Amino acid sequence: MPKKKITIKWLTEPEEHDYPAAQSYLSLIYDESITTGYVEKLRQAPISEFKAKDIFRSSGLSLLGVSNGHVEKDREKISSGQELAPLLLVRDSINGKLIIADGYHRLCALYSFDEDAIVHCKII
């Protein structure tokens, strides 16, 4: 039986708390000055759109299962028609990977509904 098609709704901008979350994650990979610069560039970046499956492929990350608590909360948001915050993404051209600075759980949740879903994000 085919899955019921779910419409993913998006906020027009990331939530304010997403930027410190991105900074915290990025600070594990880069030094403070680079991290701060990336977060400032993310704040200024326009909203872009990419397919969920392409974001996963370019990040090299594994899909978290729906049993993950954060993923389940985001699945509930999607099912109830709540808007998701756009993802914050950084291109790591040296390593040829995409870094999901914020929004990994949201991406896993929406991917479980539709791998071809269009994801709103800010990317630098």
PDB file of N, CA and C in Angstrom:
ATOM      1  N   MET A   1       0.843  -1.189   0.000  1.00  0.00           N
ATOM      2  CA  MET A   1       0.000   0.000   0.000  1.00  0.00           C
ATOM      3  C   MET A   1       0.887   1.250   0.000  1.00  0.00           C
ATOM      4  N   PRO A   2       0.694   2.163  -0.933  1.00  0.00           N
ATOM      5  CA  PRO A   2       1.549   3.348  -1.004  1.00  0.00           C
ATOM      6  C   PRO A   2       1.347   4.259   0.198  1.00  0.00           C
ATOM      7  N   LYS A   3       2.446   4.947   0.576  1.00  0.00           N
ATOM      8  CA  LYS A   3       2.377   5.908   1.674  1.00  0.00           C
ATOM      9  C   LYS A   3       1.526   7.099   1.270  1.00  0.00           C
ATOM     10  N   LYS A   4       0.818   7.651   2.242  1.00  0.00           N
ATOM     11  CA  LYS A   4       0.058   8.875   2.012  1.00  0.00           C
ATOM     12  C   LYS A   4       1.052  10.022   1.832  1.00  0.00           C
ATOM     13  N   LYS A   5       0.848  10.820   0.799  1.00  0.00           N
ATOM     14  CA  LYS A   5       1.745  11.940   0.522  1.00  0.00           C
ATOM     15  C   LYS A   5       1.512  13.036   1.563  1.00  0.00           C
ATOM     16  N   ILE A   6       2.584  13.442   2.207  1.00  0.00           N
ATOM     17  CA  ILE A   6       2.527  14.483   3.226  1.00  0.00           C
ATOM     18  C   ILE A   6       3.155  15.747   2.652  1.00  0.00           C
ATOM     19  N   THR A   7       2.536  16.888   2.902  1.00  0.00           N
ATOM     20  CA  THR A   7       3.104  18.158   2.484  1.00  0.00           C
ATOM     21  C   THR A   7       3.979  18.691   3.611  1.00  0.00           C
ATOM     22  N   ILE A   8       5.228  18.981   3.280  1.00  0.00           N
ATOM     23  CA  ILE A   8       6.151  19.551   4.260  1.00  0.00           C
ATOM     24  C   ILE A   8       5.988  21.067   4.206  1.00  0.00           C
ATOM     25  N   LYS A   9       5.741  21.657   5.358  1.00  0.00           N
ATOM     26  CA  LYS A   9       5.585  23.113   5.444  1.00  0.00           C
ATOM     27  C   LYS A   9       6.839  23.692   6.098  1.00  0.00           C
ATOM     28  N   TRP A  10       7.231  24.869   5.623  1.00  0.00           N
ATOM     29  CA  TRP A  10       8.484  25.480   6.062  1.00  0.00           C
ATOM     30  C   TRP A  10       8.268  26.879   6.614  1.00  0.00           C
ATOM     31  N   LEU A  11       9.019  27.205   7.661  1.00  0.00           N
ATOM     32  CA  LEU A  11       9.123  28.585   8.112  1.00  0.00           C
ATOM     33  C   LEU A  11       9.901  29.355   7.046  1.00  0.00           C
ATOM     34  N   THR A  12       9.750  30.652   6.991  1.00  0.00           N
ATOM     35  CA  THR A  12      10.462  31.443   5.993  1.00  0.00           C
ATOM     36  C   THR A  12      11.932  31.632   6.355  1.00  0.00           C
ATOM     37  N   GLU A  13      12.275  31.489   7.628  1.00  0.00           N
ATOM     38  CA  GLU A  13      13.650  31.640   8.112  1.00  0.00           C
ATOM     39  C   GLU A  13      13.910  30.613   9.216  1.00  0.00           C
ATOM     40  N   PRO A  14      15.185  30.249   9.431  1.00  0.00           N
ATOM     41  CA  PRO A  14      15.503  29.391  10.578  1.00  0.00           C
ATOM     42  C   PRO A  14      15.096  30.088  11.878  1.00  0.00           C
ATOM     43  N   GLU A  15      14.893  29.292  12.903  1.00  0.00           N
ATOM     44  CA  GLU A  15      14.575  29.872  14.206  1.00  0.00           C
ATOM     45  C   GLU A  15      15.861  30.414  14.820  1.00  0.00           C
ATOM     46  N   GLU A  16      15.731  31.420  15.679  1.00  0.00           N
ATOM     47  CA  GLU A  16      16.919  32.073  16.233  1.00  0.00           C
ATOM     48  C   GLU A  16      17.838  31.087  16.958  1.00  0.00           C
ATOM     49  N   HIS A  17      17.276  30.107  17.644  1.00  0.00           N
ATOM     50  CA  HIS A  17      18.108  29.147  18.385  1.00  0.00           C
ATOM     51  C   HIS A  17      18.856  28.176  17.475  1.00  0.00           C
ATOM     52  N   ASP A  18      18.511  28.145  16.180  1.00  0.00           N
ATOM     53  CA  ASP A  18      19.212  27.259  15.248  1.00  0.00           C
ATOM     54  C   ASP A  18      20.648  27.725  14.996  1.00  0.00           C
ATOM     55  N   TYR A  19      20.885  29.022  15.054  1.00  0.00           N
ATOM     56  CA  TYR A  19      22.225  29.540  14.782  1.00  0.00           C
ATOM     57  C   TYR A  19      23.227  29.177  15.882  1.00  0.00           C
ATOM     58  N   PRO A  20      22.896  29.330  17.180  1.00  0.00           N
ATOM     59  CA  PRO A  20      23.828  28.860  18.206  1.00  0.00           C
ATOM     60  C   PRO A  20      24.030  27.337  18.152  1.00  0.00           C
ATOM     61  N   ALA A  21      22.982  26.606  17.768  1.00  0.00           N
ATOM     62  CA  ALA A  21      23.122  25.148  17.627  1.00  0.00           C
ATOM     63  C   ALA A  21      24.110  24.827  16.511  1.00  0.00           C
ATOM     64  N   ALA A  22      24.013  25.554  15.398  1.00  0.00           N
ATOM     65  CA  ALA A  22      24.949  25.366  14.286  1.00  0.00           C
ATOM     66  C   ALA A  22      26.363  25.737  14.725  1.00  0.00           C
ATOM     67  N   GLN A  23      26.487  26.821  15.461  1.00  0.00           N
ATOM     68  CA  GLN A  23      27.811  27.248  15.927  1.00  0.00           C
ATOM     69  C   GLN A  23      28.422  26.195  16.845  1.00  0.00           C
ATOM     70  N   SER A  24      27.630  25.635  17.722  1.00  0.00           N
ATOM     71  CA  SER A  24      28.122  24.596  18.631  1.00  0.00           C
ATOM     72  C   SER A  24      28.642  23.397  17.846  1.00  0.00           C
ATOM     73  N   TYR A  25      27.867  22.946  16.870  1.00  0.00           N
ATOM     74  CA  TYR A  25      28.283  21.789  16.063  1.00  0.00           C
ATOM     75  C   TYR A  25      29.525  22.115  15.243  1.00  0.00           C
ATOM     76  N   LEU A  26      29.506  23.255  14.561  1.00  0.00           N
ATOM     77  CA  LEU A  26      30.635  23.627  13.715  1.00  0.00           C
ATOM     78  C   LEU A  26      31.922  23.834  14.518  1.00  0.00           C
ATOM     79  N   SER A  27      31.792  24.250  15.784  1.00  0.00           N
ATOM     80  CA  SER A  27      32.983  24.476  16.617  1.00  0.00           C
ATOM     81  C   SER A  27      33.719  23.175  16.940  1.00  0.00           C
ATOM     82  N   LEU A  28      33.066  22.054  16.705  1.00  0.00           N
ATOM     83  CA  LEU A  28      33.744  20.762  16.870  1.00  0.00           C
ATOM     84  C   LEU A  28      34.641  20.454  15.670  1.00  0.00           C
ATOM     85  N   ILE A  29      34.376  21.116  14.556  1.00  0.00           N
ATOM     86  CA  ILE A  29      35.091  20.842  13.314  1.00  0.00           C
ATOM     87  C   ILE A  29      36.100  21.940  12.990  1.00  0.00           C
ATOM     88  N   TYR A  30      35.737  23.190  13.245  1.00  0.00           N
ATOM     89  CA  TYR A  30      36.552  24.346  12.874  1.00  0.00           C
ATOM     90  C   TYR A  30      36.902  25.171  14.108  1.00  0.00           C
ATOM     91  N   ASP A  31      37.919  26.026  13.970  1.00  0.00           N
ATOM     92  CA  ASP A  31      38.240  26.901  15.097  1.00  0.00           C
ATOM     93  C   ASP A  31      37.196  28.019  15.197  1.00  0.00           C
ATOM     94  N   GLU A  32      37.275  28.767  16.287  1.00  0.00           N
ATOM     95  CA  GLU A  32      36.234  29.742  16.617  1.00  0.00           C
ATOM     96  C   GLU A  32      36.048  30.820  15.554  1.00  0.00           C
ATOM     97  N   SER A  33      37.130  31.327  15.001  1.00  0.00           N
ATOM     98  CA  SER A  33      36.990  32.413  14.017  1.00  0.00           C
ATOM     99  C   SER A  33      36.307  31.913  12.741  1.00  0.00           C
ATOM    100  N   ILE A  34      36.641  30.722  12.301  1.00  0.00           N
ATOM    101  CA  ILE A  34      35.994  30.163  11.110  1.00  0.00           C
ATOM    102  C   ILE A  34      34.529  29.887  11.397  1.00  0.00           C
ATOM    103  N   THR A  35      34.255  29.303  12.551  1.00  0.00           N
ATOM    104  CA  THR A  35      32.883  28.980  12.935  1.00  0.00           C
ATOM    105  C   THR A  35      32.023  30.237  12.999  1.00  0.00           C
ATOM    106  N   THR A  36      32.534  31.277  13.637  1.00  0.00           N
ATOM    107  CA  THR A  36      31.788  32.531  13.753  1.00  0.00           C
ATOM    108  C   THR A  36      31.505  33.114  12.371  1.00  0.00           C
ATOM    109  N   GLY A  37      32.507  33.066  11.496  1.00  0.00           N
ATOM    110  CA  GLY A  37      32.313  33.560  10.135  1.00  0.00           C
ATOM    111  C   GLY A  37      31.250  32.783   9.379  1.00  0.00           C
ATOM    112  N   TYR A  38      31.266  31.456   9.527  1.00  0.00           N
ATOM    113  CA  TYR A  38      30.267  30.628   8.859  1.00  0.00           C
ATOM    114  C   TYR A  38      28.860  30.955   9.345  1.00  0.00           C
ATOM    115  N   VAL A  39      28.705  31.115  10.650  1.00  0.00           N
ATOM    116  CA  VAL A  39      27.367  31.396  11.192  1.00  0.00           C
ATOM    117  C   VAL A  39      26.877  32.760  10.703  1.00  0.00           C
ATOM    118  N   GLU A  40      27.758  33.743  10.636  1.00  0.00           N
ATOM    119  CA  GLU A  40      27.361  35.051  10.117  1.00  0.00           C
ATOM    120  C   GLU A  40      26.955  34.948   8.645  1.00  0.00           C
ATOM    121  N   LYS A  41      27.691  34.170   7.861  1.00  0.00           N
ATOM    122  CA  LYS A  41      27.337  33.979   6.451  1.00  0.00           C
ATOM    123  C   LYS A  41      26.010  33.240   6.316  1.00  0.00           C
ATOM    124  N   LEU A  42      25.767  32.260   7.204  1.00  0.00           N
ATOM    125  CA  LEU A  42      24.488  31.542   7.175  1.00  0.00           C
ATOM    126  C   LEU A  42      23.325  32.487   7.466  1.00  0.00           C
ATOM    127  N   ARG A  43      23.514  33.394   8.412  1.00  0.00           N
ATOM    128  CA  ARG A  43      22.449  34.363   8.727  1.00  0.00           C
ATOM    129  C   ARG A  43      22.072  35.193   7.501  1.00  0.00           C
ATOM    130  N   GLN A  44      23.059  35.513   6.669  1.00  0.00           N
ATOM    131  CA  GLN A  44      22.839  36.363   5.502  1.00  0.00           C
ATOM    132  C   GLN A  44      22.414  35.595   4.252  1.00  0.00           C
ATOM    133  N   ALA A  45      22.609  34.287   4.247  1.00  0.00           N
ATOM    134  CA  ALA A  45      22.350  33.480   3.051  1.00  0.00           C
ATOM    135  C   ALA A  45      20.862  33.439   2.716  1.00  0.00           C
ATOM    136  N   PRO A  46      20.545  33.403   1.434  1.00  0.00           N
ATOM    137  CA  PRO A  46      19.138  33.263   1.032  1.00  0.00           C
ATOM    138  C   PRO A  46      18.674  31.815   1.230  1.00  0.00           C
ATOM    139  N   ILE A  47      17.394  31.623   1.218  1.00  0.00           N
ATOM    140  CA  ILE A  47      16.829  30.270   1.294  1.00  0.00           C
ATOM    141  C   ILE A  47      17.014  29.589  -0.062  1.00  0.00           C
ATOM    142  N   SER A  48      17.502  28.364  -0.022  1.00  0.00           N
ATOM    143  CA  SER A  48      17.661  27.522  -1.206  1.00  0.00           C
ATOM    144  C   SER A  48      16.818  26.269  -1.026  1.00  0.00           C
ATOM    145  N   GLU A  49      16.687  25.512  -2.095  1.00  0.00           N
ATOM    146  CA  GLU A  49      15.916  24.265  -2.038  1.00  0.00           C
ATOM    147  C   GLU A  49      16.699  23.142  -2.711  1.00  0.00           C
ATOM    148  N   PHE A  50      16.723  21.980  -2.033  1.00  0.00           N
ATOM    149  CA  PHE A  50      17.349  20.778  -2.569  1.00  0.00           C
ATOM    150  C   PHE A  50      16.499  19.574  -2.161  1.00  0.00           C
ATOM    151  N   LYS A  51      16.614  18.494  -2.893  1.00  0.00           N
ATOM    152  CA  LYS A  51      15.911  17.266  -2.521  1.00  0.00           C
ATOM    153  C   LYS A  51      16.580  16.631  -1.306  1.00  0.00           C
ATOM    154  N   ALA A  52      15.759  16.036  -0.448  1.00  0.00           N
ATOM    155  CA  ALA A  52      16.258  15.392   0.768  1.00  0.00           C
ATOM    156  C   ALA A  52      17.323  14.352   0.440  1.00  0.00           C
ATOM    157  N   LYS A  53      17.075  13.521  -0.564  1.00  0.00           N
ATOM    158  CA  LYS A  53      18.018  12.455  -0.884  1.00  0.00           C
ATOM    159  C   LYS A  53      19.365  13.011  -1.336  1.00  0.00           C
ATOM    160  N   ASP A  54      19.368  14.161  -1.996  1.00  0.00           N
ATOM    161  CA  ASP A  54      20.623  14.758  -2.439  1.00  0.00           C
ATOM    162  C   ASP A  54      21.417  15.328  -1.268  1.00  0.00           C
ATOM    163  N   ILE A  55      20.724  15.904  -0.298  1.00  0.00           N
ATOM    164  CA  ILE A  55      21.405  16.400   0.897  1.00  0.00           C
ATOM    165  C   ILE A  55      22.053  15.238   1.635  1.00  0.00           C
ATOM    166  N   PHE A  56      21.322  14.134   1.796  1.00  0.00           N
ATOM    167  CA  PHE A  56      21.902  12.974   2.468  1.00  0.00           C
ATOM    168  C   PHE A  56      23.109  12.437   1.725  1.00  0.00           C
ATOM    169  N   ARG A  57      22.985  12.281   0.430  1.00  0.00           N
ATOM    170  CA  ARG A  57      24.097  11.728  -0.352  1.00  0.00           C
ATOM    171  C   ARG A  57      25.329  12.608  -0.249  1.00  0.00           C
ATOM    172  N   SER A  58      25.160  13.916  -0.323  1.00  0.00           N
ATOM    173  CA  SER A  58      26.309  14.811  -0.297  1.00  0.00           C
ATOM    174  C   SER A  58      26.912  14.953   1.099  1.00  0.00           C
ATOM    175  N   SER A  59      26.132  14.656   2.135  1.00  0.00           N
ATOM    176  CA  SER A  59      26.660  14.748   3.503  1.00  0.00           C
ATOM    177  C   SER A  59      27.403  13.481   3.914  1.00  0.00           C
ATOM    178  N   GLY A  60      27.050  12.344   3.314  1.00  0.00           N
ATOM    179  CA  GLY A  60      27.659  11.076   3.705  1.00  0.00           C
ATOM    180  C   GLY A  60      27.161  10.555   5.039  1.00  0.00           C
ATOM    181  N   LEU A  61      26.140  11.187   5.611  1.00  0.00           N
ATOM    182  CA  LEU A  61      25.599  10.761   6.907  1.00  0.00           C
ATOM    183  C   LEU A  61      24.605   9.620   6.740  1.00  0.00           C
ATOM    184  N   SER A  62      24.416   8.883   7.810  1.00  0.00           N
ATOM    185  CA  SER A  62      23.420   7.820   7.836  1.00  0.00           C
ATOM    186  C   SER A  62      22.078   8.390   8.261  1.00  0.00           C
ATOM    187  N   LEU A  63      21.035   7.756   7.783  1.00  0.00           N
ATOM    188  CA  LEU A  63      19.682   8.145   8.158  1.00  0.00           C
ATOM    189  C   LEU A  63      19.369   7.618   9.551  1.00  0.00           C
ATOM    190  N   LEU A  64      18.944   8.507  10.440  1.00  0.00           N
ATOM    191  CA  LEU A  64      18.510   8.079  11.775  1.00  0.00           C
ATOM    192  C   LEU A  64      17.125   7.459  11.665  1.00  0.00           C
ATOM    193  N   GLY A  65      16.883   6.425  12.450  1.00  0.00           N
ATOM    194  CA  GLY A  65      15.588   5.757  12.430  1.00  0.00           C
ATOM    195  C   GLY A  65      14.506   6.555  13.114  1.00  0.00           C
ATOM    196  N   VAL A  66      13.270   6.183  12.828  1.00  0.00           N
ATOM    197  CA  VAL A  66      12.135   6.891  13.418  1.00  0.00           C
ATOM    198  C   VAL A  66      12.033   6.638  14.916  1.00  0.00           C
ATOM    199  N   SER A  67      12.805   5.685  15.444  1.00  0.00           N
ATOM    200  CA  SER A  67      12.787   5.436  16.881  1.00  0.00           C
ATOM    201  C   SER A  67      13.595   6.486  17.649  1.00  0.00           C
ATOM    202  N   ASN A  68      14.358   7.319  16.952  1.00  0.00           N
ATOM    203  CA  ASN A  68      15.091   8.397  17.598  1.00  0.00           C
ATOM    204  C   ASN A  68      14.090   9.432  18.099  1.00  0.00           C
ATOM    205  N   GLY A  69      14.223   9.856  19.340  1.00  0.00           N
ATOM    206  CA  GLY A  69      13.268  10.775  19.955  1.00  0.00           C
ATOM    207  C   GLY A  69      13.118  12.094  19.223  1.00  0.00           C
ATOM    208  N   HIS A  70      14.241  12.682  18.785  1.00  0.00           N
ATOM    209  CA  HIS A  70      14.176  13.965  18.072  1.00  0.00           C
ATOM    210  C   HIS A  70      13.521  13.798  16.702  1.00  0.00           C
ATOM    211  N   VAL A  71      13.833  12.700  16.045  1.00  0.00           N
ATOM    212  CA  VAL A  71      13.225  12.434  14.742  1.00  0.00           C
ATOM    213  C   VAL A  71      11.716  12.247  14.912  1.00  0.00           C
ATOM    214  N   GLU A  72      11.331  11.516  15.928  1.00  0.00           N
ATOM    215  CA  GLU A  72       9.902  11.278  16.160  1.00  0.00           C
ATOM    216  C   GLU A  72       9.154  12.586  16.430  1.00  0.00           C
ATOM    217  N   LYS A  73       9.755  13.494  17.207  1.00  0.00           N
ATOM    218  CA  LYS A  73       9.117  14.793  17.465  1.00  0.00           C
ATOM    219  C   LYS A  73       8.923  15.568  16.168  1.00  0.00           C
ATOM    220  N   ASP A  74       9.938  15.525  15.297  1.00  0.00           N
ATOM    221  CA  ASP A  74       9.817  16.231  14.020  1.00  0.00           C
ATOM    222  C   ASP A  74       8.819  15.550  13.092  1.00  0.00           C
ATOM    223  N   ARG A  75       8.718  14.230  13.152  1.00  0.00           N
ATOM    224  CA  ARG A  75       7.705  13.512  12.368  1.00  0.00           C
ATOM    225  C   ARG A  75       6.302  13.935  12.819  1.00  0.00           C
ATOM    226  N   GLU A  76       6.126  14.096  14.116  1.00  0.00           N
ATOM    227  CA  GLU A  76       4.833  14.543  14.643  1.00  0.00           C
ATOM    228  C   GLU A  76       4.508  15.958  14.159  1.00  0.00           C
ATOM    229  N   LYS A  77       5.521  16.827  14.139  1.00  0.00           N
ATOM    230  CA  LYS A  77       5.309  18.185  13.625  1.00  0.00           C
ATOM    231  C   LYS A  77       4.843  18.134  12.173  1.00  0.00           C
ATOM    232  N   ILE A  78       5.520  17.330  11.374  1.00  0.00           N
ATOM    233  CA  ILE A  78       5.174  17.213   9.957  1.00  0.00           C
ATOM    234  C   ILE A  78       3.750  16.687   9.802  1.00  0.00           C
ATOM    235  N   SER A  79       3.430  15.625  10.536  1.00  0.00           N
ATOM    236  CA  SER A  79       2.103  15.011  10.444  1.00  0.00           C
ATOM    237  C   SER A  79       0.990  15.964  10.849  1.00  0.00           C
ATOM    238  N   SER A  80       1.273  16.832  11.818  1.00  0.00           N
ATOM    239  CA  SER A  80       0.242  17.756  12.289  1.00  0.00           C
ATOM    240  C   SER A  80       0.212  19.067  11.494  1.00  0.00           C
ATOM    241  N   GLY A  81       1.067  19.169  10.457  1.00  0.00           N
ATOM    242  CA  GLY A  81       1.041  20.345   9.597  1.00  0.00           C
ATOM    243  C   GLY A  81       1.832  21.531  10.108  1.00  0.00           C
ATOM    244  N   GLN A  82       2.653  21.329  11.143  1.00  0.00           N
ATOM    245  CA  GLN A  82       3.476  22.421  11.646  1.00  0.00           C
ATOM    246  C   GLN A  82       4.627  22.701  10.681  1.00  0.00           C
ATOM    247  N   GLU A  83       5.078  23.926  10.681  1.00  0.00           N
ATOM    248  CA  GLU A  83       6.189  24.318   9.810  1.00  0.00           C
ATOM    249  C   GLU A  83       7.522  23.937  10.439  1.00  0.00           C
ATOM    250  N   LEU A  84       8.443  23.492   9.584  1.00  0.00           N
ATOM    251  CA  LEU A  84       9.801  23.174  10.012  1.00  0.00           C
ATOM    252  C   LEU A  84      10.722  24.344   9.702  1.00  0.00           C
ATOM    253  N   ALA A  85      11.757  24.482  10.512  1.00  0.00           N
ATOM    254  CA  ALA A  85      12.775  25.497  10.242  1.00  0.00           C
ATOM    255  C   ALA A  85      13.708  24.996   9.139  1.00  0.00           C
ATOM    256  N   PRO A  86      14.096  25.876   8.225  1.00  0.00           N
ATOM    257  CA  PRO A  86      15.056  25.485   7.192  1.00  0.00           C
ATOM    258  C   PRO A  86      16.361  24.978   7.813  1.00  0.00           C
ATOM    259  N   LEU A  87      17.034  24.076   7.101  1.00  0.00           N
ATOM    260  CA  LEU A  87      18.309  23.541   7.545  1.00  0.00           C
ATOM    261  C   LEU A  87      19.415  24.560   7.320  1.00  0.00           C
ATOM    262  N   LEU A  88      20.493  24.430   8.078  1.00  0.00           N
ATOM    263  CA  LEU A  88      21.681  25.250   7.909  1.00  0.00           C
ATOM    264  C   LEU A  88      22.807  24.340   7.437  1.00  0.00           C
ATOM    265  N   LEU A  89      23.325  24.609   6.232  1.00  0.00           N
ATOM    266  CA  LEU A  89      24.282  23.724   5.572  1.00  0.00           C
ATOM    267  C   LEU A  89      25.559  24.474   5.204  1.00  0.00           C
ATOM    268  N   VAL A  90      26.692  23.750   5.317  1.00  0.00           N
ATOM    269  CA  VAL A  90      27.992  24.310   4.962  1.00  0.00           C
ATOM    270  C   VAL A  90      28.681  23.351   3.991  1.00  0.00           C
ATOM    271  N   ARG A  91      29.140  23.899   2.871  1.00  0.00           N
ATOM    272  CA  ARG A  91      29.902  23.097   1.910  1.00  0.00           C
ATOM    273  C   ARG A  91      31.348  22.995   2.385  1.00  0.00           C
ATOM    274  N   ASP A  92      31.811  21.783   2.629  1.00  0.00           N
ATOM    275  CA  ASP A  92      33.208  21.536   2.990  1.00  0.00           C
ATOM    276  C   ASP A  92      33.909  21.077   1.718  1.00  0.00           C
ATOM    277  N   SER A  93      34.348  22.044   0.914  1.00  0.00           N
ATOM    278  CA  SER A  93      34.912  21.716  -0.393  1.00  0.00           C
ATOM    279  C   SER A  93      36.233  20.962  -0.288  1.00  0.00           C
ATOM    280  N   ILE A  94      36.970  21.154   0.782  1.00  0.00           N
ATOM    281  CA  ILE A  94      38.244  20.443   0.949  1.00  0.00           C
ATOM    282  C   ILE A  94      38.012  18.938   1.058  1.00  0.00           C
ATOM    283  N   ASN A  95      36.985  18.545   1.802  1.00  0.00           N
ATOM    284  CA  ASN A  95      36.688  17.122   1.994  1.00  0.00           C
ATOM    285  C   ASN A  95      35.584  16.611   1.074  1.00  0.00           C
ATOM    286  N   GLY A  96      35.018  17.500   0.256  1.00  0.00           N
ATOM    287  CA  GLY A  96      33.976  17.085  -0.671  1.00  0.00           C
ATOM    288  C   GLY A  96      32.712  16.597   0.003  1.00  0.00           C
ATOM    289  N   LYS A  97      32.379  17.188   1.150  1.00  0.00           N
ATOM    290  CA  LYS A  97      31.187  16.787   1.904  1.00  0.00           C
ATOM    291  C   LYS A  97      30.340  18.010   2.227  1.00  0.00           C
ATOM    292  N   LEU A  98      29.093  17.751   2.463  1.00  0.00           N
ATOM    293  CA  LEU A  98      28.176  18.775   2.944  1.00  0.00           C
ATOM    294  C   LEU A  98      28.022  18.584   4.445  1.00  0.00           C
ATOM    295  N   ILE A  99      28.163  19.650   5.202  1.00  0.00           N
ATOM    296  CA  ILE A  99      27.988  19.589   6.654  1.00  0.00           C
ATOM    297  C   ILE A  99      26.595  20.100   6.994  1.00  0.00           C
ATOM    298  N   ILE A 100      25.833  19.278   7.689  1.00  0.00           N
ATOM    299  CA  ILE A 100      24.522  19.707   8.181  1.00  0.00           C
ATOM    300  C   ILE A 100      24.771  20.333   9.543  1.00  0.00           C
ATOM    301  N   ALA A 101      24.917  21.658   9.553  1.00  0.00           N
ATOM    302  CA  ALA A 101      25.247  22.374  10.778  1.00  0.00           C
ATOM    303  C   ALA A 101      24.060  22.400  11.741  1.00  0.00           C
ATOM    304  N   ASP A 102      22.856  22.433  11.197  1.00  0.00           N
ATOM    305  CA  ASP A 102      21.643  22.352  12.017  1.00  0.00           C
ATOM    306  C   ASP A 102      20.522  21.786  11.153  1.00  0.00           C
ATOM    307  N   GLY A 103      19.759  20.850  11.719  1.00  0.00           N
ATOM    308  CA  GLY A 103      18.593  20.313  11.032  1.00  0.00           C
ATOM    309  C   GLY A 103      18.669  18.841  10.671  1.00  0.00           C
ATOM    310  N   TYR A 104      19.678  18.140  11.175  1.00  0.00           N
ATOM    311  CA  TYR A 104      19.844  16.720  10.850  1.00  0.00           C
ATOM    312  C   TYR A 104      18.607  15.903  11.221  1.00  0.00           C
ATOM    313  N   HIS A 105      18.044  16.124  12.401  1.00  0.00           N
ATOM    314  CA  HIS A 105      16.858  15.369  12.824  1.00  0.00           C
ATOM    315  C   HIS A 105      15.644  15.707  11.967  1.00  0.00           C
ATOM    316  N   ARG A 106      15.506  16.987  11.594  1.00  0.00           N
ATOM    317  CA  ARG A 106      14.401  17.390  10.715  1.00  0.00           C
ATOM    318  C   ARG A 106      14.527  16.706   9.359  1.00  0.00           C
ATOM    319  N   LEU A 107      15.754  16.653   8.847  1.00  0.00           N
ATOM    320  CA  LEU A 107      15.986  16.003   7.561  1.00  0.00           C
ATOM    321  C   LEU A 107      15.638  14.519   7.633  1.00  0.00           C
ATOM    322  N   CYS A 108      16.054  13.848   8.685  1.00  0.00           N
ATOM    323  CA  CYS A 108      15.741  12.420   8.848  1.00  0.00           C
ATOM    324  C   CYS A 108      14.232  12.210   8.927  1.00  0.00           C
ATOM    325  N   ALA A 109      13.541  13.100   9.642  1.00  0.00           N
ATOM    326  CA  ALA A 109      12.093  12.968   9.797  1.00  0.00           C
ATOM    327  C   ALA A 109      11.382  13.128   8.455  1.00  0.00           C
ATOM    328  N   LEU A 110      11.721  14.150   7.711  1.00  0.00           N
ATOM    329  CA  LEU A 110      11.002  14.360   6.445  1.00  0.00           C
ATOM    330  C   LEU A 110      11.383  13.314   5.408  1.00  0.00           C
ATOM    331  N   TYR A 111      12.618  12.827   5.451  1.00  0.00           N
ATOM    332  CA  TYR A 111      13.055  11.775   4.528  1.00  0.00           C
ATOM    333  C   TYR A 111      12.212  10.516   4.718  1.00  0.00           C
ATOM    334  N   SER A 112      11.796  10.257   5.965  1.00  0.00           N
ATOM    335  CA  SER A 112      10.981   9.066   6.239  1.00  0.00           C
ATOM    336  C   SER A 112       9.604   9.150   5.574  1.00  0.00           C
ATOM    337  N   PHE A 113       9.165  10.355   5.222  1.00  0.00           N
ATOM    338  CA  PHE A 113       7.910  10.535   4.495  1.00  0.00           C
ATOM    339  C   PHE A 113       8.123  10.512   2.992  1.00  0.00           C
ATOM    340  N   ASP A 114       9.207  11.161   2.544  1.00  0.00           N
ATOM    341  CA  ASP A 114       9.424  11.314   1.099  1.00  0.00           C
ATOM    342  C   ASP A 114      10.883  11.677   0.830  1.00  0.00           C
ATOM    343  N   GLU A 115      11.638  10.742   0.257  1.00  0.00           N
ATOM    344  CA  GLU A 115      13.055  11.007  -0.019  1.00  0.00           C
ATOM    345  C   GLU A 115      13.244  12.072  -1.088  1.00  0.00           C
ATOM    346  N   ASP A 116      12.215  12.320  -1.884  1.00  0.00           N
ATOM    347  CA  ASP A 116      12.274  13.355  -2.916  1.00  0.00           C
ATOM    348  C   ASP A 116      11.738  14.698  -2.432  1.00  0.00           C
ATOM    349  N   ALA A 117      11.411  14.788  -1.146  1.00  0.00           N
ATOM    350  CA  ALA A 117      10.871  16.038  -0.607  1.00  0.00           C
ATOM    351  C   ALA A 117      11.855  17.179  -0.840  1.00  0.00           C
ATOM    352  N   ILE A 118      11.311  18.334  -1.136  1.00  0.00           N
ATOM    353  CA  ILE A 118      12.120  19.534  -1.309  1.00  0.00           C
ATOM    354  C   ILE A 118      12.385  20.124   0.068  1.00  0.00           C
ATOM    355  N   VAL A 119      13.667  20.313   0.374  1.00  0.00           N
ATOM    356  CA  VAL A 119      14.100  20.813   1.669  1.00  0.00           C
ATOM    357  C   VAL A 119      14.503  22.274   1.537  1.00  0.00           C
ATOM    358  N   HIS A 120      13.981  23.099   2.412  1.00  0.00           N
ATOM    359  CA  HIS A 120      14.380  24.497   2.452  1.00  0.00           C
ATOM    360  C   HIS A 120      15.603  24.598   3.363  1.00  0.00           C
ATOM    361  N   CYS A 121      16.585  25.378   2.918  1.00  0.00           N
ATOM    362  CA  CYS A 121      17.812  25.476   3.677  1.00  0.00           C
ATOM    363  C   CYS A 121      18.537  26.775   3.348  1.00  0.00           C
ATOM    364  N   LYS A 122      19.500  27.079   4.197  1.00  0.00           N
ATOM    365  CA  LYS A 122      20.477  28.125   3.907  1.00  0.00           C
ATOM    366  C   LYS A 122      21.784  27.381   3.730  1.00  0.00           C
ATOM    367  N   ILE A 123      22.518  27.692   2.666  1.00  0.00           N
ATOM    368  CA  ILE A 123      23.743  26.973   2.361  1.00  0.00           C
ATOM    369  C   ILE A 123      24.845  27.953   1.993  1.00  0.00           C
ATOM    370  N   ILE A 124      26.015  27.695   2.543  1.00  0.00           N
ATOM    371  CA  ILE A 124      27.190  28.514   2.186  1.00  0.00           C
ATOM    372  C   ILE A 124      28.319  27.594   1.775  1.00  0.00           C
TER     373      ILE A 124
END
